[in-house]
Every structure is written in structure tokens, then in C-alpha cells.
Amino acid sequence: MDDKEAYDKKARELGAAFIQNFEKYAAGASADILAGAPKV
């Protein structure tokens, strides 16, 4: 796996982890905050 593939894989993993972790705060977040969430 080259560096770009490793980078992309890790970026997807981190984005997914962020989304999963943020679920507990999403109800109290504004639309602007929710719009800034990672897209995976």
C-alpha cells in the first residue's frame, strides 16, 4: 500500500470514528456544526 492509499484509509477510519463519537452530542449541536462533520 502506498502512502496515498494509507492516508485515505486512515482518513476514512478517523472520519467514521468522529461521526460515531459525535452522535451523543449531535442533538445539542447547531446546523452549522452538523454541516461541518466529516463526509465518509
N, C-alpha and C. Protein backbone atom coordinates (compact mmCIF):
# COMPACT_ATOMS: atom_id res chain seq x y z
N MET A 1 0.86 -1.17 0.00
CA MET A 1 0.00 0.00 0.00
C MET A 1 0.91 1.23 0.00
N ASP A 2 0.61 2.16 -0.90
CA ASP A 2 1.43 3.36 -0.93
C ASP A 2 0.91 4.39 0.07
N ASP A 3 1.63 5.48 0.21
CA ASP A 3 1.27 6.49 1.22
C ASP A 3 -0.11 7.08 0.99
N LYS A 4 -0.48 7.33 -0.26
CA LYS A 4 -1.80 7.92 -0.54
C LYS A 4 -2.91 6.96 -0.12
N GLU A 5 -2.75 5.70 -0.41
CA GLU A 5 -3.77 4.72 -0.01
C GLU A 5 -3.86 4.62 1.50
N ALA A 6 -2.72 4.60 2.17
CA ALA A 6 -2.70 4.52 3.64
C ALA A 6 -3.33 5.78 4.24
N TYR A 7 -3.02 6.93 3.66
CA TYR A 7 -3.60 8.19 4.13
C TYR A 7 -5.12 8.18 3.98
N ASP A 8 -5.58 7.80 2.80
CA ASP A 8 -7.02 7.76 2.53
C ASP A 8 -7.74 6.78 3.46
N LYS A 9 -7.14 5.63 3.69
CA LYS A 9 -7.74 4.63 4.58
C LYS A 9 -7.85 5.18 5.99
N LYS A 10 -6.77 5.79 6.48
CA LYS A 10 -6.78 6.33 7.84
C LYS A 10 -7.76 7.50 7.94
N ALA A 11 -7.86 8.33 6.91
CA ALA A 11 -8.81 9.44 6.91
C ALA A 11 -10.24 8.93 7.01
N ARG A 12 -10.56 7.88 6.28
CA ARG A 12 -11.90 7.29 6.36
C ARG A 12 -12.16 6.72 7.75
N GLU A 13 -11.18 6.04 8.32
CA GLU A 13 -11.33 5.46 9.66
C GLU A 13 -11.56 6.56 10.70
N LEU A 14 -10.78 7.62 10.63
CA LEU A 14 -10.91 8.71 11.60
C LEU A 14 -12.24 9.44 11.43
N GLY A 15 -12.65 9.65 10.18
CA GLY A 15 -13.94 10.29 9.93
C GLY A 15 -15.09 9.48 10.50
N ALA A 16 -15.05 8.19 10.30
CA ALA A 16 -16.09 7.30 10.81
C ALA A 16 -16.09 7.30 12.34
N ALA A 17 -14.90 7.29 12.95
CA ALA A 17 -14.80 7.31 14.41
C ALA A 17 -15.35 8.62 14.97
N PHE A 18 -15.05 9.73 14.29
CA PHE A 18 -15.57 11.02 14.73
C PHE A 18 -17.09 11.02 14.69
N ILE A 19 -17.66 10.57 13.60
CA ILE A 19 -19.12 10.55 13.45
C ILE A 19 -19.75 9.69 14.54
N GLN A 20 -19.19 8.53 14.78
CA GLN A 20 -19.73 7.63 15.80
C GLN A 20 -19.64 8.28 17.18
N ASN A 21 -18.52 8.90 17.49
CA ASN A 21 -18.34 9.53 18.79
C ASN A 21 -19.23 10.75 18.96
N PHE A 22 -19.45 11.50 17.89
CA PHE A 22 -20.21 12.75 17.96
C PHE A 22 -21.71 12.52 18.10
N GLU A 23 -22.18 11.32 17.84
CA GLU A 23 -23.62 11.04 17.91
C GLU A 23 -24.22 11.46 19.24
N LYS A 24 -23.46 11.32 20.33
CA LYS A 24 -24.00 11.66 21.64
C LYS A 24 -24.15 13.17 21.84
N TYR A 25 -23.50 13.98 21.00
CA TYR A 25 -23.58 15.44 21.10
C TYR A 25 -24.44 16.07 20.00
N ALA A 26 -24.81 15.31 19.00
CA ALA A 26 -25.48 15.84 17.82
C ALA A 26 -26.80 16.55 18.14
N ALA A 27 -27.55 16.06 19.11
CA ALA A 27 -28.84 16.66 19.43
C ALA A 27 -28.69 18.11 19.90
N GLY A 28 -27.57 18.45 20.53
CA GLY A 28 -27.36 19.80 21.03
C GLY A 28 -26.54 20.67 20.11
N ALA A 29 -26.20 20.18 18.93
CA ALA A 29 -25.35 20.93 18.01
C ALA A 29 -26.20 21.71 17.00
N SER A 30 -25.67 22.86 16.60
CA SER A 30 -26.38 23.67 15.60
C SER A 30 -26.22 23.06 14.22
N ALA A 31 -27.03 23.55 13.29
CA ALA A 31 -26.96 23.08 11.90
C ALA A 31 -25.59 23.36 11.30
N ASP A 32 -24.97 24.49 11.67
CA ASP A 32 -23.63 24.80 11.15
C ASP A 32 -22.60 23.79 11.62
N ILE A 33 -22.68 23.40 12.88
CA ILE A 33 -21.75 22.40 13.41
C ILE A 33 -21.96 21.07 12.71
N LEU A 34 -23.21 20.66 12.57
CA LEU A 34 -23.51 19.39 11.91
C LEU A 34 -23.06 19.40 10.45
N ALA A 35 -23.15 20.54 9.79
CA ALA A 35 -22.72 20.64 8.39
C ALA A 35 -21.21 20.49 8.26
N GLY A 36 -20.47 20.76 9.32
CA GLY A 36 -19.01 20.66 9.28
C GLY A 36 -18.47 19.27 9.61
N ALA A 37 -19.37 18.33 9.84
CA ALA A 37 -18.93 16.97 10.16
C ALA A 37 -18.26 16.33 8.94
N PRO A 38 -17.36 15.39 9.19
CA PRO A 38 -16.70 14.70 8.08
C PRO A 38 -17.71 13.95 7.20
N LYS A 39 -17.43 13.89 5.94
CA LYS A 39 -18.25 13.13 4.98
C LYS A 39 -17.47 11.84 4.63
N VAL A 40 -18.03 10.71 5.01
CA VAL A 40 -17.37 9.43 4.71
C VAL A 40 -18.24 8.59 3.82
